[in-house]
Amino acid sequence: MSVGNRKLDSVVSSLGARLARLFLPDTAHPFLLGIRGAWEHEYRDINNLISARFAEAPAASFTVQGKELQAFADYTARLSTGKTDQGLLGGLSFKW
């Protein structure tokens, strides 16, 4: 099989909103329930298609959609009088 070299560069921005409500705030186990959504825009390689061909049959080429591995990080802070909450979330996402 022959696959050409390919480099993908990705820069993504997002804009969104979050709605949340704190339940049982004055108890020993308060919890926060919420929903959020975001619009994402890809600025660079939006086409992750890869073309290949079998070495013995160079005329029979085919194209597949590449798999996607993403690393992400999210930092949040809530600043108010007498209290500061901060959070950091990171991870990997693999889509196929």
PDB file of N, CA and C in Angstrom:
ATOM      1  N   MET A   1       0.848  -1.157   0.000  1.00  0.00           N
ATOM      2  CA  MET A   1       0.000   0.000   0.000  1.00  0.00           C
ATOM      3  C   MET A   1       0.901   1.229   0.000  1.00  0.00           C
ATOM      4  N   SER A   2       0.493   2.227  -0.723  1.00  0.00           N
ATOM      5  CA  SER A   2       1.244   3.473  -0.806  1.00  0.00           C
ATOM      6  C   SER A   2       0.346   4.614  -0.337  1.00  0.00           C
ATOM      7  N   VAL A   3       0.813   5.312   0.674  1.00  0.00           N
ATOM      8  CA  VAL A   3       0.078   6.454   1.216  1.00  0.00           C
ATOM      9  C   VAL A   3       1.017   7.645   1.213  1.00  0.00           C
ATOM     10  N   GLY A   4       0.575   8.734   0.646  1.00  0.00           N
ATOM     11  CA  GLY A   4       1.400   9.930   0.599  1.00  0.00           C
ATOM     12  C   GLY A   4       1.548  10.572   1.970  1.00  0.00           C
ATOM     13  N   ASN A   5       2.633  11.310   2.129  1.00  0.00           N
ATOM     14  CA  ASN A   5       2.830  12.041   3.378  1.00  0.00           C
ATOM     15  C   ASN A   5       1.761  13.102   3.526  1.00  0.00           C
ATOM     16  N   ARG A   6       1.328  13.297   4.750  1.00  0.00           N
ATOM     17  CA  ARG A   6       0.294  14.302   5.000  1.00  0.00           C
ATOM     18  C   ARG A   6       0.477  14.858   6.401  1.00  0.00           C
ATOM     19  N   LYS A   7       0.388  16.166   6.513  1.00  0.00           N
ATOM     20  CA  LYS A   7       0.457  16.838   7.808  1.00  0.00           C
ATOM     21  C   LYS A   7      -0.806  17.668   7.971  1.00  0.00           C
ATOM     22  N   LEU A   8      -1.453  17.531   9.109  1.00  0.00           N
ATOM     23  CA  LEU A   8      -2.656  18.293   9.394  1.00  0.00           C
ATOM     24  C   LEU A   8      -2.358  19.311  10.496  1.00  0.00           C
ATOM     25  N   ASP A   9      -2.775  20.534  10.281  1.00  0.00           N
ATOM     26  CA  ASP A   9      -2.677  21.574  11.295  1.00  0.00           C
ATOM     27  C   ASP A   9      -4.090  22.008  11.646  1.00  0.00           C
ATOM     28  N   SER A  10      -4.351  22.126  12.917  1.00  0.00           N
ATOM     29  CA  SER A  10      -5.688  22.468  13.366  1.00  0.00           C
ATOM     30  C   SER A  10      -5.646  23.597  14.388  1.00  0.00           C
ATOM     31  N   VAL A  11      -6.458  24.608  14.157  1.00  0.00           N
ATOM     32  CA  VAL A  11      -6.672  25.682  15.123  1.00  0.00           C
ATOM     33  C   VAL A  11      -8.179  25.877  15.206  1.00  0.00           C
ATOM     34  N   VAL A  12      -8.724  25.700  16.399  1.00  0.00           N
ATOM     35  CA  VAL A  12     -10.171  25.758  16.591  1.00  0.00           C
ATOM     36  C   VAL A  12     -10.499  26.802  17.647  1.00  0.00           C
ATOM     37  N   SER A  13     -11.519  27.603  17.371  1.00  0.00           N
ATOM     38  CA  SER A  13     -12.038  28.512  18.394  1.00  0.00           C
ATOM     39  C   SER A  13     -13.462  28.072  18.713  1.00  0.00           C
ATOM     40  N   SER A  14     -13.922  28.436  19.887  1.00  0.00           N
ATOM     41  CA  SER A  14     -15.302  28.114  20.246  1.00  0.00           C
ATOM     42  C   SER A  14     -15.923  29.278  21.001  1.00  0.00           C
ATOM     43  N   LEU A  15     -17.220  29.413  20.836  1.00  0.00           N
ATOM     44  CA  LEU A  15     -17.992  30.435  21.521  1.00  0.00           C
ATOM     45  C   LEU A  15     -19.260  29.748  21.995  1.00  0.00           C
ATOM     46  N   GLY A  16     -19.551  29.875  23.273  1.00  0.00           N
ATOM     47  CA  GLY A  16     -20.709  29.153  23.782  1.00  0.00           C
ATOM     48  C   GLY A  16     -21.321  29.804  25.005  1.00  0.00           C
ATOM     49  N   ALA A  17     -22.262  29.079  25.558  1.00  0.00           N
ATOM     50  CA  ALA A  17     -22.971  29.540  26.750  1.00  0.00           C
ATOM     51  C   ALA A  17     -23.219  28.353  27.668  1.00  0.00           C
ATOM     52  N   ARG A  18     -23.355  28.667  28.939  1.00  0.00           N
ATOM     53  CA  ARG A  18     -23.622  27.635  29.939  1.00  0.00           C
ATOM     54  C   ARG A  18     -24.714  28.131  30.876  1.00  0.00           C
ATOM     55  N   LEU A  19     -25.692  27.275  31.133  1.00  0.00           N
ATOM     56  CA  LEU A  19     -26.736  27.561  32.104  1.00  0.00           C
ATOM     57  C   LEU A  19     -26.601  26.531  33.212  1.00  0.00           C
ATOM     58  N   ALA A  20     -26.583  26.995  34.450  1.00  0.00           N
ATOM     59  CA  ALA A  20     -26.411  26.077  35.568  1.00  0.00           C
ATOM     60  C   ALA A  20     -27.203  26.565  36.766  1.00  0.00           C
ATOM     61  N   ARG A  21     -27.567  25.597  37.620  1.00  0.00           N
ATOM     62  CA  ARG A  21     -28.277  25.929  38.851  1.00  0.00           C
ATOM     63  C   ARG A  21     -27.730  25.065  39.979  1.00  0.00           C
ATOM     64  N   LEU A  22     -27.505  25.698  41.106  1.00  0.00           N
ATOM     65  CA  LEU A  22     -27.015  25.005  42.288  1.00  0.00           C
ATOM     66  C   LEU A  22     -28.211  24.554  43.121  1.00  0.00           C
ATOM     67  N   PHE A  23     -28.273  23.254  43.389  1.00  0.00           N
ATOM     68  CA  PHE A  23     -29.338  22.688  44.197  1.00  0.00           C
ATOM     69  C   PHE A  23     -28.815  22.366  45.595  1.00  0.00           C
ATOM     70  N   LEU A  24     -29.644  22.548  46.596  1.00  0.00           N
ATOM     71  CA  LEU A  24     -29.315  22.277  48.004  1.00  0.00           C
ATOM     72  C   LEU A  24     -28.041  22.994  48.436  1.00  0.00           C
ATOM     73  N   PRO A  25     -27.967  24.304  48.235  1.00  0.00           N
ATOM     74  CA  PRO A  25     -26.719  25.024  48.501  1.00  0.00           C
ATOM     75  C   PRO A  25     -26.307  25.049  49.977  1.00  0.00           C
ATOM     76  N   ASP A  26     -27.251  24.942  50.893  1.00  0.00           N
ATOM     77  CA  ASP A  26     -26.926  25.052  52.312  1.00  0.00           C
ATOM     78  C   ASP A  26     -26.770  23.699  53.001  1.00  0.00           C
ATOM     79  N   THR A  27     -26.641  22.635  52.230  1.00  0.00           N
ATOM     80  CA  THR A  27     -26.480  21.307  52.810  1.00  0.00           C
ATOM     81  C   THR A  27     -25.027  20.864  52.717  1.00  0.00           C
ATOM     82  N   ALA A  28     -24.752  19.708  53.280  1.00  0.00           N
ATOM     83  CA  ALA A  28     -23.386  19.167  53.237  1.00  0.00           C
ATOM     84  C   ALA A  28     -23.015  18.661  51.843  1.00  0.00           C
ATOM     85  N   HIS A  29     -24.025  18.409  50.987  1.00  0.00           N
ATOM     86  CA  HIS A  29     -23.759  17.871  49.649  1.00  0.00           C
ATOM     87  C   HIS A  29     -24.522  18.643  48.571  1.00  0.00           C
ATOM     88  N   PRO A  30     -24.169  19.893  48.343  1.00  0.00           N
ATOM     89  CA  PRO A  30     -24.826  20.628  47.251  1.00  0.00           C
ATOM     90  C   PRO A  30     -24.368  20.064  45.906  1.00  0.00           C
ATOM     91  N   PHE A  31     -25.197  20.234  44.888  1.00  0.00           N
ATOM     92  CA  PHE A  31     -24.771  19.810  43.556  1.00  0.00           C
ATOM     93  C   PHE A  31     -25.216  20.822  42.518  1.00  0.00           C
ATOM     94  N   LEU A  32     -24.455  20.864  41.460  1.00  0.00           N
ATOM     95  CA  LEU A  32     -24.670  21.810  40.372  1.00  0.00           C
ATOM     96  C   LEU A  32     -25.114  21.048  39.142  1.00  0.00           C
ATOM     97  N   LEU A  33     -26.224  21.444  38.576  1.00  0.00           N
ATOM     98  CA  LEU A  33     -26.750  20.815  37.373  1.00  0.00           C
ATOM     99  C   LEU A  33     -26.783  21.867  36.275  1.00  0.00           C
ATOM    100  N   GLY A  34     -26.287  21.515  35.107  1.00  0.00           N
ATOM    101  CA  GLY A  34     -26.246  22.514  34.049  1.00  0.00           C
ATOM    102  C   GLY A  34     -26.196  21.914  32.662  1.00  0.00           C
ATOM    103  N   ILE A  35     -26.265  22.796  31.697  1.00  0.00           N
ATOM    104  CA  ILE A  35     -26.180  22.428  30.293  1.00  0.00           C
ATOM    105  C   ILE A  35     -25.349  23.498  29.598  1.00  0.00           C
ATOM    106  N   ARG A  36     -24.605  23.085  28.592  1.00  0.00           N
ATOM    107  CA  ARG A  36     -23.833  24.065  27.835  1.00  0.00           C
ATOM    108  C   ARG A  36     -23.744  23.636  26.383  1.00  0.00           C
ATOM    109  N   GLY A  37     -23.521  24.605  25.553  1.00  0.00           N
ATOM    110  CA  GLY A  37     -23.368  24.361  24.127  1.00  0.00           C
ATOM    111  C   GLY A  37     -22.379  25.368  23.561  1.00  0.00           C
ATOM    112  N   ALA A  38     -21.760  25.000  22.458  1.00  0.00           N
ATOM    113  CA  ALA A  38     -20.770  25.894  21.861  1.00  0.00           C
ATOM    114  C   ALA A  38     -20.741  25.718  20.358  1.00  0.00           C
ATOM    115  N   TRP A  39     -20.411  26.790  19.687  1.00  0.00           N
ATOM    116  CA  TRP A  39     -20.165  26.776  18.258  1.00  0.00           C
ATOM    117  C   TRP A  39     -18.657  26.742  18.082  1.00  0.00           C
ATOM    118  N   GLU A  40     -18.173  25.805  17.281  1.00  0.00           N
ATOM    119  CA  GLU A  40     -16.737  25.698  17.028  1.00  0.00           C
ATOM    120  C   GLU A  40     -16.446  26.021  15.569  1.00  0.00           C
ATOM    121  N   HIS A  41     -15.316  26.672  15.348  1.00  0.00           N
ATOM    122  CA  HIS A  41     -14.898  27.015  13.989  1.00  0.00           C
ATOM    123  C   HIS A  41     -13.469  26.530  13.771  1.00  0.00           C
ATOM    124  N   GLU A  42     -13.255  25.777  12.716  1.00  0.00           N
ATOM    125  CA  GLU A  42     -11.927  25.276  12.340  1.00  0.00           C
ATOM    126  C   GLU A  42     -11.313  26.271  11.359  1.00  0.00           C
ATOM    127  N   TYR A  43     -10.112  26.742  11.674  1.00  0.00           N
ATOM    128  CA  TYR A  43      -9.449  27.739  10.838  1.00  0.00           C
ATOM    129  C   TYR A  43      -8.461  27.148   9.837  1.00  0.00           C
ATOM    130  N   ARG A  44      -8.033  25.931  10.041  1.00  0.00           N
ATOM    131  CA  ARG A  44      -6.965  25.401   9.202  1.00  0.00           C
ATOM    132  C   ARG A  44      -7.454  24.203   8.397  1.00  0.00           C
ATOM    133  N   ASP A  45      -6.901  23.031   8.623  1.00  0.00           N
ATOM    134  CA  ASP A  45      -7.238  21.854   7.828  1.00  0.00           C
ATOM    135  C   ASP A  45      -8.607  21.308   8.212  1.00  0.00           C
ATOM    136  N   ILE A  46      -9.595  21.586   7.369  1.00  0.00           N
ATOM    137  CA  ILE A  46     -10.927  21.058   7.641  1.00  0.00           C
ATOM    138  C   ILE A  46     -11.176  19.771   6.861  1.00  0.00           C
ATOM    139  N   ASN A  47     -10.275  19.420   5.990  1.00  0.00           N
ATOM    140  CA  ASN A  47     -10.427  18.231   5.172  1.00  0.00           C
ATOM    141  C   ASN A  47      -9.403  17.197   5.629  1.00  0.00           C
ATOM    142  N   ASN A  48      -9.823  16.212   6.393  1.00  0.00           N
ATOM    143  CA  ASN A  48      -8.882  15.205   6.877  1.00  0.00           C
ATOM    144  C   ASN A  48      -9.006  13.906   6.073  1.00  0.00           C
ATOM    145  N   LEU A  49      -9.157  14.046   4.764  1.00  0.00           N
ATOM    146  CA  LEU A  49      -9.218  12.894   3.878  1.00  0.00           C
ATOM    147  C   LEU A  49      -7.808  12.461   3.486  1.00  0.00           C
ATOM    148  N   ILE A  50      -7.602  11.158   3.421  1.00  0.00           N
ATOM    149  CA  ILE A  50      -6.303  10.600   3.067  1.00  0.00           C
ATOM    150  C   ILE A  50      -6.487   9.714   1.841  1.00  0.00           C
ATOM    151  N   SER A  51      -5.668   9.946   0.821  1.00  0.00           N
ATOM    152  CA  SER A  51      -5.713   9.140  -0.397  1.00  0.00           C
ATOM    153  C   SER A  51      -4.598   8.108  -0.361  1.00  0.00           C
ATOM    154  N   ALA A  52      -4.919   6.905  -0.814  1.00  0.00           N
ATOM    155  CA  ALA A  52      -3.941   5.814  -0.834  1.00  0.00           C
ATOM    156  C   ALA A  52      -4.192   4.956  -2.063  1.00  0.00           C
ATOM    157  N   ARG A  53      -3.228   4.063  -2.335  1.00  0.00           N
ATOM    158  CA  ARG A  53      -3.387   3.124  -3.443  1.00  0.00           C
ATOM    159  C   ARG A  53      -2.560   1.881  -3.135  1.00  0.00           C
ATOM    160  N   PHE A  54      -2.972   0.780  -3.720  1.00  0.00           N
ATOM    161  CA  PHE A  54      -2.210  -0.449  -3.561  1.00  0.00           C
ATOM    162  C   PHE A  54      -0.988  -0.390  -4.461  1.00  0.00           C
ATOM    163  N   ALA A  55       0.158  -0.834  -3.962  1.00  0.00           N
ATOM    164  CA  ALA A  55       1.411  -0.737  -4.712  1.00  0.00           C
ATOM    165  C   ALA A  55       1.354  -1.518  -6.019  1.00  0.00           C
ATOM    166  N   GLU A  56       0.662  -2.636  -6.039  1.00  0.00           N
ATOM    167  CA  GLU A  56       0.578  -3.471  -7.250  1.00  0.00           C
ATOM    168  C   GLU A  56      -0.475  -2.983  -8.231  1.00  0.00           C
ATOM    169  N   ALA A  57      -1.348  -2.093  -7.800  1.00  0.00           N
ATOM    170  CA  ALA A  57      -2.397  -1.562  -8.678  1.00  0.00           C
ATOM    171  C   ALA A  57      -2.479  -0.051  -8.494  1.00  0.00           C
ATOM    172  N   PRO A  58      -1.484   0.689  -9.005  1.00  0.00           N
ATOM    173  CA  PRO A  58      -1.439   2.129  -8.751  1.00  0.00           C
ATOM    174  C   PRO A  58      -2.630   2.905  -9.305  1.00  0.00           C
ATOM    175  N   ALA A  59      -3.333   2.362 -10.284  1.00  0.00           N
ATOM    176  CA  ALA A  59      -4.481   3.077 -10.843  1.00  0.00           C
ATOM    177  C   ALA A  59      -5.705   2.963  -9.935  1.00  0.00           C
ATOM    178  N   ALA A  60      -5.722   2.010  -9.038  1.00  0.00           N
ATOM    179  CA  ALA A  60      -6.878   1.796  -8.157  1.00  0.00           C
ATOM    180  C   ALA A  60      -6.651   2.514  -6.826  1.00  0.00           C
ATOM    181  N   SER A  61      -6.810   3.802  -6.821  1.00  0.00           N
ATOM    182  CA  SER A  61      -6.627   4.564  -5.583  1.00  0.00           C
ATOM    183  C   SER A  61      -7.960   4.686  -4.853  1.00  0.00           C
ATOM    184  N   PHE A  62      -7.887   4.997  -3.571  1.00  0.00           N
ATOM    185  CA  PHE A  62      -9.098   5.178  -2.781  1.00  0.00           C
ATOM    186  C   PHE A  62      -8.823   6.229  -1.713  1.00  0.00           C
ATOM    187  N   THR A  63      -9.893   6.748  -1.157  1.00  0.00           N
ATOM    188  CA  THR A  63      -9.802   7.818  -0.164  1.00  0.00           C
ATOM    189  C   THR A  63     -10.561   7.399   1.086  1.00  0.00           C
ATOM    190  N   VAL A  64      -9.961   7.658   2.242  1.00  0.00           N
ATOM    191  CA  VAL A  64     -10.622   7.373   3.517  1.00  0.00           C
ATOM    192  C   VAL A  64     -10.592   8.632   4.383  1.00  0.00           C
ATOM    193  N   GLN A  65     -11.553   8.719   5.263  1.00  0.00           N
ATOM    194  CA  GLN A  65     -11.572   9.836   6.208  1.00  0.00           C
ATOM    195  C   GLN A  65     -10.690   9.458   7.376  1.00  0.00           C
ATOM    196  N   GLY A  66      -9.755  10.337   7.693  1.00  0.00           N
ATOM    197  CA  GLY A  66      -8.811  10.065   8.769  1.00  0.00           C
ATOM    198  C   GLY A  66      -9.461  10.091  10.134  1.00  0.00           C
ATOM    199  N   LYS A  67      -8.863   9.364  11.064  1.00  0.00           N
ATOM    200  CA  LYS A  67      -9.317   9.382  12.446  1.00  0.00           C
ATOM    201  C   LYS A  67      -8.784  10.638  13.104  1.00  0.00           C
ATOM    202  N   GLU A  68      -9.424  11.052  14.158  1.00  0.00           N
ATOM    203  CA  GLU A  68      -9.088  12.329  14.767  1.00  0.00           C
ATOM    204  C   GLU A  68      -8.766  12.145  16.244  1.00  0.00           C
ATOM    205  N   LEU A  69      -7.603  12.603  16.637  1.00  0.00           N
ATOM    206  CA  LEU A  69      -7.184  12.600  18.035  1.00  0.00           C
ATOM    207  C   LEU A  69      -7.032  14.048  18.476  1.00  0.00           C
ATOM    208  N   GLN A  70      -7.719  14.412  19.544  1.00  0.00           N
ATOM    209  CA  GLN A  70      -7.667  15.780  20.034  1.00  0.00           C
ATOM    210  C   GLN A  70      -7.239  15.788  21.490  1.00  0.00           C
ATOM    211  N   ALA A  71      -6.462  16.774  21.839  1.00  0.00           N
ATOM    212  CA  ALA A  71      -6.157  17.063  23.238  1.00  0.00           C
ATOM    213  C   ALA A  71      -6.872  18.364  23.577  1.00  0.00           C
ATOM    214  N   PHE A  72      -7.418  18.438  24.772  1.00  0.00           N
ATOM    215  CA  PHE A  72      -8.146  19.650  25.133  1.00  0.00           C
ATOM    216  C   PHE A  72      -7.867  20.025  26.582  1.00  0.00           C
ATOM    217  N   ALA A  73      -8.049  21.300  26.863  1.00  0.00           N
ATOM    218  CA  ALA A  73      -7.915  21.819  28.218  1.00  0.00           C
ATOM    219  C   ALA A  73      -8.965  22.893  28.426  1.00  0.00           C
ATOM    220  N   ASP A  74      -9.488  22.964  29.638  1.00  0.00           N
ATOM    221  CA  ASP A  74     -10.527  23.931  29.970  1.00  0.00           C
ATOM    222  C   ASP A  74     -10.243  24.474  31.372  1.00  0.00           C
ATOM    223  N   TYR A  75     -10.171  25.773  31.496  1.00  0.00           N
ATOM    224  CA  TYR A  75      -9.964  26.419  32.793  1.00  0.00           C
ATOM    225  C   TYR A  75     -11.164  27.296  33.085  1.00  0.00           C
ATOM    226  N   THR A  76     -11.702  27.179  34.284  1.00  0.00           N
ATOM    227  CA  THR A  76     -12.816  28.022  34.687  1.00  0.00           C
ATOM    228  C   THR A  76     -12.490  28.671  36.029  1.00  0.00           C
ATOM    229  N   ALA A  77     -13.027  29.845  36.220  1.00  0.00           N
ATOM    230  CA  ALA A  77     -12.848  30.551  37.486  1.00  0.00           C
ATOM    231  C   ALA A  77     -14.130  31.306  37.813  1.00  0.00           C
ATOM    232  N   ARG A  78     -14.502  31.244  39.070  1.00  0.00           N
ATOM    233  CA  ARG A  78     -15.641  32.019  39.561  1.00  0.00           C
ATOM    234  C   ARG A  78     -15.128  32.862  40.713  1.00  0.00           C
ATOM    235  N   LEU A  79     -15.171  34.167  40.529  1.00  0.00           N
ATOM    236  CA  LEU A  79     -14.642  35.101  41.509  1.00  0.00           C
ATOM    237  C   LEU A  79     -15.797  35.898  42.107  1.00  0.00           C
ATOM    238  N   SER A  80     -15.901  35.875  43.423  1.00  0.00           N
ATOM    239  CA  SER A  80     -16.937  36.648  44.087  1.00  0.00           C
ATOM    240  C   SER A  80     -16.410  37.111  45.436  1.00  0.00           C
ATOM    241  N   THR A  81     -17.159  37.936  46.106  1.00  0.00           N
ATOM    242  CA  THR A  81     -16.732  38.449  47.405  1.00  0.00           C
ATOM    243  C   THR A  81     -16.620  37.304  48.401  1.00  0.00           C
ATOM    244  N   GLY A  82     -15.442  37.115  48.937  1.00  0.00           N
ATOM    245  CA  GLY A  82     -15.231  36.104  49.960  1.00  0.00           C
ATOM    246  C   GLY A  82     -15.037  34.689  49.470  1.00  0.00           C
ATOM    247  N   LYS A  83     -15.096  34.452  48.159  1.00  0.00           N
ATOM    248  CA  LYS A  83     -14.966  33.081  47.664  1.00  0.00           C
ATOM    249  C   LYS A  83     -14.411  33.077  46.244  1.00  0.00           C
ATOM    250  N   THR A  84     -13.483  32.179  46.002  1.00  0.00           N
ATOM    251  CA  THR A  84     -12.924  31.994  44.663  1.00  0.00           C
ATOM    252  C   THR A  84     -12.930  30.497  44.345  1.00  0.00           C
ATOM    253  N   ASP A  85     -13.530  30.117  43.236  1.00  0.00           N
ATOM    254  CA  ASP A  85     -13.534  28.733  42.777  1.00  0.00           C
ATOM    255  C   ASP A  85     -12.777  28.672  41.461  1.00  0.00           C
ATOM    256  N   GLN A  86     -11.895  27.706  41.337  1.00  0.00           N
ATOM    257  CA  GLN A  86     -11.148  27.516  40.106  1.00  0.00           C
ATOM    258  C   GLN A  86     -11.188  26.042  39.733  1.00  0.00           C
ATOM    259  N   GLY A  87     -11.169  25.779  38.447  1.00  0.00           N
ATOM    260  CA  GLY A  87     -11.165  24.398  37.991  1.00  0.00           C
ATOM    261  C   GLY A  87     -10.343  24.250  36.727  1.00  0.00           C
ATOM    262  N   LEU A  88      -9.726  23.097  36.578  1.00  0.00           N
ATOM    263  CA  LEU A  88      -8.933  22.778  35.391  1.00  0.00           C
ATOM    264  C   LEU A  88      -9.316  21.376  34.943  1.00  0.00           C
ATOM    265  N   LEU A  89      -9.650  21.251  33.675  1.00  0.00           N
ATOM    266  CA  LEU A  89     -10.045  19.971  33.104  1.00  0.00           C
ATOM    267  C   LEU A  89      -9.226  19.752  31.838  1.00  0.00           C
ATOM    268  N   GLY A  90      -8.712  18.578  31.652  1.00  0.00           N
ATOM    269  CA  GLY A  90      -7.966  18.255  30.443  1.00  0.00           C
ATOM    270  C   GLY A  90      -8.207  16.811  30.062  1.00  0.00           C
ATOM    271  N   GLY A  91      -7.950  16.504  28.811  1.00  0.00           N
ATOM    272  CA  GLY A  91      -8.144  15.132  28.381  1.00  0.00           C
ATOM    273  C   GLY A  91      -7.828  14.927  26.925  1.00  0.00           C
ATOM    274  N   LEU A  92      -8.111  13.726  26.470  1.00  0.00           N
ATOM    275  CA  LEU A  92      -7.936  13.329  25.077  1.00  0.00           C
ATOM    276  C   LEU A  92      -9.256  12.841  24.528  1.00  0.00           C
ATOM    277  N   SER A  93      -9.487  13.110  23.265  1.00  0.00           N
ATOM    278  CA  SER A  93     -10.690  12.655  22.581  1.00  0.00           C
ATOM    279  C   SER A  93     -10.256  11.974  21.294  1.00  0.00           C
ATOM    280  N   PHE A  94     -10.732  10.757  21.060  1.00  0.00           N
ATOM    281  CA  PHE A  94     -10.412  10.020  19.839  1.00  0.00           C
ATOM    282  C   PHE A  94     -11.713   9.708  19.118  1.00  0.00           C
ATOM    283  N   LYS A  95     -11.847  10.192  17.895  1.00  0.00           N
ATOM    284  CA  LYS A  95     -13.075  10.000  17.113  1.00  0.00           C
ATOM    285  C   LYS A  95     -12.771   9.114  15.917  1.00  0.00           C
ATOM    286  N   TRP A  96     -13.643   8.161  15.664  1.00  0.00           N
ATOM    287  CA  TRP A  96     -13.475   7.289  14.503  1.00  0.00           C
ATOM    288  C   TRP A  96     -14.782   7.101  13.798  1.00  0.00           C
TER     289      TRP A  96
END
